[in-house]
N, C-alpha and C. Protein backbone atom coordinates (compact mmCIF):
# COMPACT_ATOMS: atom_id res chain seq x y z
N UNK A 1 0.85 -1.18 0.00
CA UNK A 1 0.00 0.00 0.00
C UNK A 1 0.89 1.24 0.00
N UNK A 2 0.54 2.20 -0.84
CA UNK A 2 1.30 3.44 -0.93
C UNK A 2 0.81 4.41 0.16
N UNK A 3 1.71 4.88 1.00
CA UNK A 3 1.31 5.77 2.09
C UNK A 3 1.79 7.20 1.89
N UNK A 4 2.04 7.57 0.62
CA UNK A 4 2.44 8.94 0.33
C UNK A 4 1.33 9.91 0.70
N UNK A 5 1.71 11.10 1.11
CA UNK A 5 0.75 12.14 1.43
C UNK A 5 0.00 12.54 0.16
N UNK A 6 -1.31 12.67 0.25
CA UNK A 6 -2.11 12.99 -0.93
C UNK A 6 -1.76 14.37 -1.49
N UNK A 7 -1.23 15.26 -0.66
CA UNK A 7 -0.85 16.59 -1.14
C UNK A 7 0.32 16.53 -2.12
N UNK A 8 0.98 15.37 -2.22
CA UNK A 8 2.10 15.19 -3.14
C UNK A 8 1.68 14.51 -4.44
N UNK A 9 0.39 14.26 -4.61
CA UNK A 9 -0.10 13.57 -5.81
C UNK A 9 0.15 14.41 -7.06
N UNK A 10 0.35 13.73 -8.18
CA UNK A 10 0.57 14.42 -9.45
C UNK A 10 -0.71 15.06 -9.97
N UNK A 11 -1.83 14.40 -9.75
CA UNK A 11 -3.12 14.88 -10.23
C UNK A 11 -3.62 16.03 -9.34
N UNK A 12 -3.87 17.22 -9.93
CA UNK A 12 -4.32 18.35 -9.12
C UNK A 12 -5.67 18.09 -8.43
N UNK A 13 -6.51 17.30 -9.04
CA UNK A 13 -7.78 16.95 -8.41
C UNK A 13 -7.58 16.15 -7.14
N UNK A 14 -6.63 15.24 -7.18
CA UNK A 14 -6.31 14.45 -5.98
C UNK A 14 -5.72 15.33 -4.89
N UNK A 15 -4.86 16.26 -5.29
CA UNK A 15 -4.24 17.15 -4.30
C UNK A 15 -5.30 17.99 -3.58
N UNK A 16 -6.34 18.37 -4.29
CA UNK A 16 -7.40 19.18 -3.69
C UNK A 16 -8.47 18.39 -2.97
N UNK A 17 -8.42 17.09 -3.07
CA UNK A 17 -9.50 16.27 -2.50
C UNK A 17 -9.57 16.34 -0.98
N UNK A 18 -8.44 16.47 -0.31
CA UNK A 18 -8.47 16.52 1.16
C UNK A 18 -9.17 17.80 1.63
N UNK A 19 -8.87 18.91 0.98
CA UNK A 19 -9.55 20.16 1.34
C UNK A 19 -11.05 20.05 1.09
N UNK A 20 -11.42 19.39 0.00
CA UNK A 20 -12.84 19.21 -0.31
C UNK A 20 -13.52 18.34 0.75
N UNK A 21 -12.86 17.31 1.20
CA UNK A 21 -13.42 16.45 2.26
C UNK A 21 -13.58 17.22 3.56
N UNK A 22 -12.61 18.07 3.86
CA UNK A 22 -12.69 18.88 5.09
C UNK A 22 -13.85 19.87 5.01
N UNK A 23 -14.04 20.49 3.84
CA UNK A 23 -15.18 21.40 3.67
C UNK A 23 -16.49 20.66 3.81
N UNK A 24 -16.58 19.47 3.23
CA UNK A 24 -17.81 18.66 3.31
C UNK A 24 -18.11 18.26 4.76
N UNK A 25 -17.07 17.91 5.50
CA UNK A 25 -17.26 17.52 6.90
C UNK A 25 -17.77 18.70 7.72
N UNK A 26 -17.21 19.89 7.49
CA UNK A 26 -17.66 21.08 8.20
C UNK A 26 -19.11 21.39 7.85
N UNK A 27 -19.46 21.28 6.57
CA UNK A 27 -20.84 21.55 6.16
C UNK A 27 -21.80 20.53 6.78
N UNK A 28 -21.39 19.27 6.88
CA UNK A 28 -22.24 18.25 7.51
C UNK A 28 -22.47 18.58 8.98
N UNK A 29 -21.43 19.06 9.65
CA UNK A 29 -21.57 19.46 11.06
C UNK A 29 -22.54 20.64 11.19
N UNK A 30 -22.39 21.64 10.31
CA UNK A 30 -23.28 22.80 10.36
C UNK A 30 -24.72 22.40 10.09
N UNK A 31 -24.94 21.51 9.14
CA UNK A 31 -26.29 21.05 8.82
C UNK A 31 -26.90 20.30 10.01
N UNK A 32 -26.12 19.47 10.66
CA UNK A 32 -26.60 18.74 11.83
C UNK A 32 -26.99 19.70 12.95
N UNK A 33 -26.21 20.76 13.15
CA UNK A 33 -26.54 21.76 14.16
C UNK A 33 -27.84 22.47 13.80
N UNK A 34 -27.94 22.91 12.55
CA UNK A 34 -29.14 23.64 12.10
C UNK A 34 -30.41 22.82 12.19
N UNK A 35 -30.30 21.53 11.94
CA UNK A 35 -31.49 20.67 11.95
C UNK A 35 -31.70 19.98 13.29
N UNK A 36 -30.76 20.16 14.23
CA UNK A 36 -30.90 19.55 15.56
C UNK A 36 -30.77 18.04 15.54
N UNK A 37 -29.99 17.52 14.61
CA UNK A 37 -29.82 16.07 14.51
C UNK A 37 -28.39 15.68 14.88
N UNK A 38 -28.25 14.44 15.24
CA UNK A 38 -26.91 13.92 15.57
C UNK A 38 -26.14 13.63 14.29
N UNK A 39 -24.85 13.78 14.38
CA UNK A 39 -23.97 13.42 13.27
C UNK A 39 -23.42 12.04 13.58
N UNK A 40 -23.51 11.12 12.64
CA UNK A 40 -23.02 9.76 12.81
C UNK A 40 -21.70 9.64 12.08
N UNK A 41 -20.65 9.26 12.80
CA UNK A 41 -19.33 9.08 12.19
C UNK A 41 -18.71 7.77 12.67
N UNK A 42 -17.70 7.33 11.95
CA UNK A 42 -16.91 6.19 12.38
C UNK A 42 -15.52 6.72 12.68
N UNK A 43 -15.06 6.50 13.93
CA UNK A 43 -13.74 6.96 14.35
C UNK A 43 -13.04 5.80 15.03
N UNK A 44 -11.88 5.46 14.53
CA UNK A 44 -11.11 4.34 15.07
C UNK A 44 -11.94 3.06 15.14
N UNK A 45 -12.77 2.85 14.11
CA UNK A 45 -13.58 1.65 14.05
C UNK A 45 -14.83 1.67 14.92
N UNK A 46 -15.06 2.77 15.62
CA UNK A 46 -16.21 2.89 16.51
C UNK A 46 -17.26 3.78 15.86
N UNK A 47 -18.53 3.39 15.94
CA UNK A 47 -19.63 4.20 15.46
C UNK A 47 -19.98 5.20 16.55
N UNK A 48 -19.90 6.49 16.23
CA UNK A 48 -20.17 7.54 17.20
C UNK A 48 -21.34 8.39 16.76
N UNK A 49 -22.18 8.78 17.71
CA UNK A 49 -23.29 9.70 17.46
C UNK A 49 -22.96 10.98 18.23
N UNK A 50 -22.78 12.07 17.48
CA UNK A 50 -22.37 13.32 18.10
C UNK A 50 -23.57 14.26 18.11
N UNK A 51 -23.91 14.75 19.30
CA UNK A 51 -25.08 15.62 19.44
C UNK A 51 -24.80 17.00 18.87
N UNK A 52 -25.87 17.74 18.54
CA UNK A 52 -25.68 19.10 18.04
C UNK A 52 -24.93 19.99 19.04
N UNK A 53 -25.16 19.77 20.33
CA UNK A 53 -24.48 20.56 21.35
C UNK A 53 -22.96 20.32 21.31
N UNK A 54 -22.58 19.06 21.16
CA UNK A 54 -21.15 18.73 21.05
C UNK A 54 -20.55 19.35 19.79
N UNK A 55 -21.31 19.31 18.70
CA UNK A 55 -20.83 19.88 17.44
C UNK A 55 -20.63 21.38 17.56
N UNK A 56 -21.56 22.06 18.25
CA UNK A 56 -21.42 23.50 18.45
C UNK A 56 -20.12 23.81 19.19
N UNK A 57 -19.82 23.03 20.20
CA UNK A 57 -18.59 23.24 20.97
C UNK A 57 -17.35 23.03 20.11
N UNK A 58 -17.41 22.11 19.18
CA UNK A 58 -16.27 21.83 18.32
C UNK A 58 -16.06 22.94 17.29
N UNK A 59 -17.14 23.52 16.78
CA UNK A 59 -17.05 24.49 15.70
C UNK A 59 -16.84 25.91 16.20
N UNK A 60 -17.61 26.30 17.20
CA UNK A 60 -17.56 27.69 17.66
C UNK A 60 -16.24 27.97 18.36
N UNK A 61 -15.67 29.14 18.07
CA UNK A 61 -14.41 29.50 18.73
C UNK A 61 -14.61 29.60 20.23
N UNK A 62 -13.60 29.24 20.95
CA UNK A 62 -13.64 29.30 22.40
C UNK A 62 -13.73 30.75 22.84
N UNK A 63 -14.60 31.02 23.80
CA UNK A 63 -14.73 32.38 24.33
C UNK A 63 -13.74 32.56 25.47
N UNK A 64 -12.52 32.83 25.10
CA UNK A 64 -11.48 33.03 26.10
C UNK A 64 -11.12 34.50 26.15
N UNK A 65 -10.87 35.03 27.34
CA UNK A 65 -10.51 36.44 27.45
C UNK A 65 -9.15 36.70 26.79
N UNK A 66 -9.03 37.86 26.16
CA UNK A 66 -7.77 38.24 25.52
C UNK A 66 -6.73 38.53 26.59
N UNK A 67 -5.50 38.16 26.30
CA UNK A 67 -4.43 38.39 27.27
C UNK A 67 -3.89 39.77 27.13
């Protein structure tokens, strides 16, 4: 199996595919928040159901006081 980084691919479409997947994942999270539904993902072989509240915490910037 070839384990080269996809950003090193010769095909420009392949090089851009990771960014496209990241955009799609972010949009899926936003849609789940807007519709109040859980997002179902597989992580490390485990099926996870992430609540809209958890998704909000992941996406929204942390409200930390400026130093």
